[in-house]
Amino acid sequence: MTFPIDAPHHPHAATAERDAVLRAFGLTGPEPDLDAFATQLAQEACVPYAMVNIFGSQQQFFGLHTPAGDSDLPTVGRSMPLDHGFCPEVVDRKKALVLPDVFSSPRFAGNTVVDLIGIRTYAGAPLLHGDTVLGTVCFVGPEERALSTGRDSLALIKQRRDDVMNFLYQRAGIQP
């Protein structure tokens, strides 16, 4: 099942608007600055994976932190189908989502990434310019967390989302 990324009544208008905003921000592909944001997020969240995820025909990781080559954990590439992971839900909802233990929610426990890379914890927040969703910032890990960690994860993911958006606005000379 593919999650919609655009408004159901005007998908082409929403896609065109998102693409125009992405061009204004100069977002065309992977960037070292966004990789640095992802690395900082992974370190702060104490997880092996973090992403700055931009949505188009697939999810594209313009910022990515994945375990080093000597890790036993799977390596994640720079793109993923729209029906993989939890970020499509964040894009659809336009709200942050924190899953300290994805297995505690049957709706999310069967997601493809649970089996592909062993995801047990997730936190993601939408990258919004006005009402336009550009993508997400998220972190994922192979170890479940206590439900009591949810508020801290939510605060962290929202802060890093704001940091990424502030960086993009400043770099492009655009007012939020």
C-alpha atoms as a PDB file:
ATOM      1  CA  MET A   1       0.000   0.000   0.000  1.00  0.00           C
ATOM      2  CA  THR A   2       1.337   3.422  -0.924  1.00  0.00           C
ATOM      3  CA  PHE A   3       0.697   6.353   1.372  1.00  0.00           C
ATOM      4  CA  PRO A   4      -0.465   9.526  -0.384  1.00  0.00           C
ATOM      5  CA  ILE A   5       1.968  12.410  -0.177  1.00  0.00           C
ATOM      6  CA  ASP A   6      -0.242  15.062  -1.721  1.00  0.00           C
ATOM      7  CA  ALA A   7      -3.656  16.522  -1.021  1.00  0.00           C
ATOM      8  CA  PRO A   8      -6.231  14.062  -2.368  1.00  0.00           C
ATOM      9  CA  HIS A   9      -8.173  16.615  -4.409  1.00  0.00           C
ATOM     10  CA  HIS A  10      -5.282  18.413  -6.118  1.00  0.00           C
ATOM     11  CA  PRO A  11      -2.266  16.087  -6.231  1.00  0.00           C
ATOM     12  CA  HIS A  12      -0.597  17.778  -9.191  1.00  0.00           C
ATOM     13  CA  ALA A  13      -0.889  21.242  -7.622  1.00  0.00           C
ATOM     14  CA  ALA A  14       0.609  19.998  -4.351  1.00  0.00           C
ATOM     15  CA  THR A  15       3.420  18.196  -6.194  1.00  0.00           C
ATOM     16  CA  ALA A  16       4.182  21.293  -8.260  1.00  0.00           C
ATOM     17  CA  GLU A  17       4.177  23.476  -5.141  1.00  0.00           C
ATOM     18  CA  ARG A  18       6.492  21.081  -3.269  1.00  0.00           C
ATOM     19  CA  ASP A  19       8.842  20.874  -6.256  1.00  0.00           C
ATOM     20  CA  ALA A  20       8.958  24.688  -6.508  1.00  0.00           C
ATOM     21  CA  VAL A  21       9.795  24.982  -2.792  1.00  0.00           C
ATOM     22  CA  LEU A  22      12.494  22.305  -3.107  1.00  0.00           C
ATOM     23  CA  ARG A  23      14.066  24.236  -6.016  1.00  0.00           C
ATOM     24  CA  ALA A  24      13.897  27.498  -4.021  1.00  0.00           C
ATOM     25  CA  PHE A  25      15.745  25.751  -1.179  1.00  0.00           C
ATOM     26  CA  GLY A  26      18.277  24.345  -3.656  1.00  0.00           C
ATOM     27  CA  LEU A  27      17.428  20.771  -2.680  1.00  0.00           C
ATOM     28  CA  THR A  28      18.348  18.587  -5.614  1.00  0.00           C
ATOM     29  CA  GLY A  29      20.099  15.608  -4.053  1.00  0.00           C
ATOM     30  CA  PRO A  30      22.231  14.357  -1.177  1.00  0.00           C
ATOM     31  CA  GLU A  31      24.133  17.087   0.672  1.00  0.00           C
ATOM     32  CA  PRO A  32      27.035  16.945   3.122  1.00  0.00           C
ATOM     33  CA  ASP A  33      25.369  19.571   5.360  1.00  0.00           C
ATOM     34  CA  LEU A  34      22.227  17.450   5.649  1.00  0.00           C
ATOM     35  CA  ASP A  35      24.350  14.337   6.230  1.00  0.00           C
ATOM     36  CA  ALA A  36      25.889  16.247   9.154  1.00  0.00           C
ATOM     37  CA  PHE A  37      22.408  16.997  10.541  1.00  0.00           C
ATOM     38  CA  ALA A  38      21.554  13.286  10.273  1.00  0.00           C
ATOM     39  CA  THR A  39      24.796  12.261  11.980  1.00  0.00           C
ATOM     40  CA  GLN A  40      24.199  14.705  14.845  1.00  0.00           C
ATOM     41  CA  LEU A  41      20.642  13.410  15.270  1.00  0.00           C
ATOM     42  CA  ALA A  42      21.779   9.767  15.306  1.00  0.00           C
ATOM     43  CA  GLN A  43      24.376  10.595  17.965  1.00  0.00           C
ATOM     44  CA  GLU A  44      21.916  12.538  20.129  1.00  0.00           C
ATOM     45  CA  ALA A  45      19.273   9.811  19.857  1.00  0.00           C
ATOM     46  CA  CYS A  46      21.863   7.032  20.389  1.00  0.00           C
ATOM     47  CA  VAL A  47      20.707   5.135  17.287  1.00  0.00           C
ATOM     48  CA  PRO A  48      22.546   3.887  14.204  1.00  0.00           C
ATOM     49  CA  TYR A  49      20.253   5.522  11.608  1.00  0.00           C
ATOM     50  CA  ALA A  50      18.959   9.050  10.998  1.00  0.00           C
ATOM     51  CA  MET A  51      17.696  10.726   7.862  1.00  0.00           C
ATOM     52  CA  VAL A  52      16.618  13.992   6.281  1.00  0.00           C
ATOM     53  CA  ASN A  53      14.049  12.542   3.935  1.00  0.00           C
ATOM     54  CA  ILE A  54      12.662  14.408   0.896  1.00  0.00           C
ATOM     55  CA  PHE A  55       9.571  13.034  -0.832  1.00  0.00           C
ATOM     56  CA  GLY A  56       9.089  12.744  -4.573  1.00  0.00           C
ATOM     57  CA  SER A  57       8.372   9.605  -6.581  1.00  0.00           C
ATOM     58  CA  GLN A  58      10.218   7.831  -3.738  1.00  0.00           C
ATOM     59  CA  GLN A  59      11.683   8.742  -0.393  1.00  0.00           C
ATOM     60  CA  GLN A  60      15.151  10.200  -0.970  1.00  0.00           C
ATOM     61  CA  PHE A  61      17.607  10.637   1.871  1.00  0.00           C
ATOM     62  CA  PHE A  62      19.286  14.005   1.212  1.00  0.00           C
ATOM     63  CA  GLY A  63      20.789  13.630   4.672  1.00  0.00           C
ATOM     64  CA  LEU A  64      21.769  10.151   5.874  1.00  0.00           C
ATOM     65  CA  HIS A  65      23.606   8.575   8.759  1.00  0.00           C
ATOM     66  CA  THR A  66      23.996   4.806   8.624  1.00  0.00           C
ATOM     67  CA  PRO A  67      26.309   2.468  10.579  1.00  0.00           C
ATOM     68  CA  ALA A  68      29.920   2.225   9.513  1.00  0.00           C
ATOM     69  CA  GLY A  69      30.933  -0.609   7.203  1.00  0.00           C
ATOM     70  CA  ASP A  70      32.261  -2.752  10.066  1.00  0.00           C
ATOM     71  CA  SER A  71      28.827  -2.861  11.743  1.00  0.00           C
ATOM     72  CA  ASP A  72      26.654  -5.972  11.757  1.00  0.00           C
ATOM     73  CA  LEU A  73      23.650  -3.737  11.030  1.00  0.00           C
ATOM     74  CA  PRO A  74      22.320  -3.391   7.471  1.00  0.00           C
ATOM     75  CA  THR A  75      23.405  -0.424   5.379  1.00  0.00           C
ATOM     76  CA  VAL A  76      20.608   1.825   4.168  1.00  0.00           C
ATOM     77  CA  GLY A  77      20.769   3.326   0.690  1.00  0.00           C
ATOM     78  CA  ARG A  78      19.769   6.850  -0.314  1.00  0.00           C
ATOM     79  CA  SER A  79      16.245   5.993  -1.471  1.00  0.00           C
ATOM     80  CA  MET A  80      13.292   3.890  -0.392  1.00  0.00           C
ATOM     81  CA  PRO A  81       9.852   3.176  -1.868  1.00  0.00           C
ATOM     82  CA  LEU A  82       6.990   5.329  -0.590  1.00  0.00           C
ATOM     83  CA  ASP A  83       5.351   2.359   1.136  1.00  0.00           C
ATOM     84  CA  HIS A  84       8.405   1.528   3.274  1.00  0.00           C
ATOM     85  CA  GLY A  85       9.036   2.950   6.701  1.00  0.00           C
ATOM     86  CA  PHE A  86       7.050   5.246   8.921  1.00  0.00           C
ATOM     87  CA  CYS A  87       7.849   8.608   7.301  1.00  0.00           C
ATOM     88  CA  PRO A  88       4.984   8.314   4.790  1.00  0.00           C
ATOM     89  CA  GLU A  89       2.618   8.331   7.786  1.00  0.00           C
ATOM     90  CA  VAL A  90       4.281  11.503   9.097  1.00  0.00           C
ATOM     91  CA  VAL A  91       3.923  13.161   5.681  1.00  0.00           C
ATOM     92  CA  ASP A  92       0.280  12.119   5.429  1.00  0.00           C
ATOM     93  CA  ARG A  93      -0.542  13.340   8.971  1.00  0.00           C
ATOM     94  CA  LYS A  94       1.668  16.456   8.837  1.00  0.00           C
ATOM     95  CA  LYS A  95       2.474  15.693  12.477  1.00  0.00           C
ATOM     96  CA  ALA A  96       5.362  14.113  14.329  1.00  0.00           C
ATOM     97  CA  LEU A  97       5.204  10.410  15.132  1.00  0.00           C
ATOM     98  CA  VAL A  98       7.128   8.667  17.896  1.00  0.00           C
ATOM     99  CA  LEU A  99       7.128   4.882  18.248  1.00  0.00           C
ATOM    100  CA  PRO A 100       9.384   3.871  21.158  1.00  0.00           C
ATOM    101  CA  ASP A 101       8.543   0.228  20.365  1.00  0.00           C
ATOM    102  CA  VAL A 102       6.988  -0.337  16.937  1.00  0.00           C
ATOM    103  CA  PHE A 103       5.861  -3.811  18.056  1.00  0.00           C
ATOM    104  CA  SER A 104       3.505  -2.239  20.606  1.00  0.00           C
ATOM    105  CA  SER A 105       1.364  -0.980  17.711  1.00  0.00           C
ATOM    106  CA  PRO A 106       0.007  -3.664  15.345  1.00  0.00           C
ATOM    107  CA  ARG A 107      -0.555  -0.998  12.698  1.00  0.00           C
ATOM    108  CA  PHE A 108       3.189  -0.299  12.506  1.00  0.00           C
ATOM    109  CA  ALA A 109       4.689  -3.657  13.526  1.00  0.00           C
ATOM    110  CA  GLY A 110       4.170  -5.151  10.059  1.00  0.00           C
ATOM    111  CA  ASN A 111       5.935  -2.386   8.127  1.00  0.00           C
ATOM    112  CA  THR A 112       8.518  -3.601   5.604  1.00  0.00           C
ATOM    113  CA  VAL A 113      11.449  -1.871   7.368  1.00  0.00           C
ATOM    114  CA  VAL A 114      10.818  -3.875  10.528  1.00  0.00           C
ATOM    115  CA  ASP A 115      11.991  -6.984   8.702  1.00  0.00           C
ATOM    116  CA  LEU A 116      14.424  -5.381   6.220  1.00  0.00           C
ATOM    117  CA  ILE A 117      16.609  -3.524   8.708  1.00  0.00           C
ATOM    118  CA  GLY A 118      15.207  -4.601  12.062  1.00  0.00           C
ATOM    119  CA  ILE A 119      13.633  -1.323  13.106  1.00  0.00           C
ATOM    120  CA  ARG A 120      12.195  -1.341  16.629  1.00  0.00           C
ATOM    121  CA  THR A 121      12.111   2.396  17.475  1.00  0.00           C
ATOM    122  CA  TYR A 122      11.204   5.382  15.317  1.00  0.00           C
ATOM    123  CA  ALA A 123      10.743   9.137  15.697  1.00  0.00           C
ATOM    124  CA  GLY A 124       9.997  11.465  12.799  1.00  0.00           C
ATOM    125  CA  ALA A 125       8.687  14.982  12.202  1.00  0.00           C
ATOM    126  CA  PRO A 126       7.526  16.637   8.977  1.00  0.00           C
ATOM    127  CA  LEU A 127       9.600  19.268   7.209  1.00  0.00           C
ATOM    128  CA  LEU A 128       6.941  21.918   6.548  1.00  0.00           C
ATOM    129  CA  HIS A 129       7.093  25.149   4.573  1.00  0.00           C
ATOM    130  CA  GLY A 130       3.715  26.677   5.315  1.00  0.00           C
ATOM    131  CA  ASP A 131       1.297  23.877   4.523  1.00  0.00           C
ATOM    132  CA  THR A 132       3.669  22.166   2.066  1.00  0.00           C
ATOM    133  CA  VAL A 133       5.311  18.976   3.315  1.00  0.00           C
ATOM    134  CA  LEU A 134       8.798  18.607   1.853  1.00  0.00           C
ATOM    135  CA  GLY A 135       9.716  15.436   3.705  1.00  0.00           C
ATOM    136  CA  THR A 136      10.755  14.410   7.198  1.00  0.00           C
ATOM    137  CA  VAL A 137      13.595  14.270   9.626  1.00  0.00           C
ATOM    138  CA  CYS A 138      13.719  10.976  11.508  1.00  0.00           C
ATOM    139  CA  PHE A 139      15.742   8.509  13.499  1.00  0.00           C
ATOM    140  CA  VAL A 140      15.356   4.755  13.745  1.00  0.00           C
ATOM    141  CA  GLY A 141      17.017   2.041  15.737  1.00  0.00           C
ATOM    142  CA  PRO A 142      17.032  -1.731  16.239  1.00  0.00           C
ATOM    143  CA  GLU A 143      16.338  -1.623  19.993  1.00  0.00           C
ATOM    144  CA  GLU A 144      12.937  -0.853  21.460  1.00  0.00           C
ATOM    145  CA  ARG A 145      12.719   1.864  24.062  1.00  0.00           C
ATOM    146  CA  ALA A 146      10.550   2.266  27.124  1.00  0.00           C
ATOM    147  CA  LEU A 147       7.322   4.125  26.427  1.00  0.00           C
ATOM    148  CA  SER A 148       8.475   6.712  28.970  1.00  0.00           C
ATOM    149  CA  THR A 149      11.128   7.883  26.456  1.00  0.00           C
ATOM    150  CA  GLY A 150       8.455   9.121  24.036  1.00  0.00           C
ATOM    151  CA  ARG A 151       8.305  12.729  25.230  1.00  0.00           C
ATOM    152  CA  ASP A 152      12.078  13.174  25.076  1.00  0.00           C
ATOM    153  CA  SER A 153      12.189  11.625  21.592  1.00  0.00           C
ATOM    154  CA  LEU A 154       9.370  13.916  20.472  1.00  0.00           C
ATOM    155  CA  ALA A 155      11.159  17.000  21.797  1.00  0.00           C
ATOM    156  CA  LEU A 156      14.426  15.947  20.116  1.00  0.00           C
ATOM    157  CA  ILE A 157      12.874  15.196  16.729  1.00  0.00           C
ATOM    158  CA  LYS A 158      10.917  18.461  16.686  1.00  0.00           C
ATOM    159  CA  GLN A 159      14.039  20.439  17.622  1.00  0.00           C
ATOM    160  CA  ARG A 160      16.110  18.807  14.888  1.00  0.00           C
ATOM    161  CA  ARG A 161      13.268  19.378  12.386  1.00  0.00           C
ATOM    162  CA  ASP A 162      13.291  23.059  13.304  1.00  0.00           C
ATOM    163  CA  ASP A 163      17.085  23.155  12.989  1.00  0.00           C
ATOM    164  CA  VAL A 164      16.953  21.680   9.472  1.00  0.00           C
ATOM    165  CA  MET A 165      14.208  24.083   8.365  1.00  0.00           C
ATOM    166  CA  ASN A 166      16.055  27.084   9.855  1.00  0.00           C
ATOM    167  CA  PHE A 167      19.214  25.998   8.023  1.00  0.00           C
ATOM    168  CA  LEU A 168      17.312  25.687   4.728  1.00  0.00           C
ATOM    169  CA  TYR A 169      15.620  29.084   5.170  1.00  0.00           C
ATOM    170  CA  GLN A 170      18.879  30.811   6.047  1.00  0.00           C
ATOM    171  CA  ARG A 171      20.833  29.188   3.232  1.00  0.00           C
ATOM    172  CA  ALA A 172      18.181  30.094   0.630  1.00  0.00           C
ATOM    173  CA  GLY A 173      17.520  33.579   2.044  1.00  0.00           C
ATOM    174  CA  ILE A 174      13.822  32.735   2.449  1.00  0.00           C
ATOM    175  CA  GLN A 175      11.655  34.032   5.276  1.00  0.00           C
ATOM    176  CA  PRO A 176       9.795  31.280   7.186  1.00  0.00           C
END
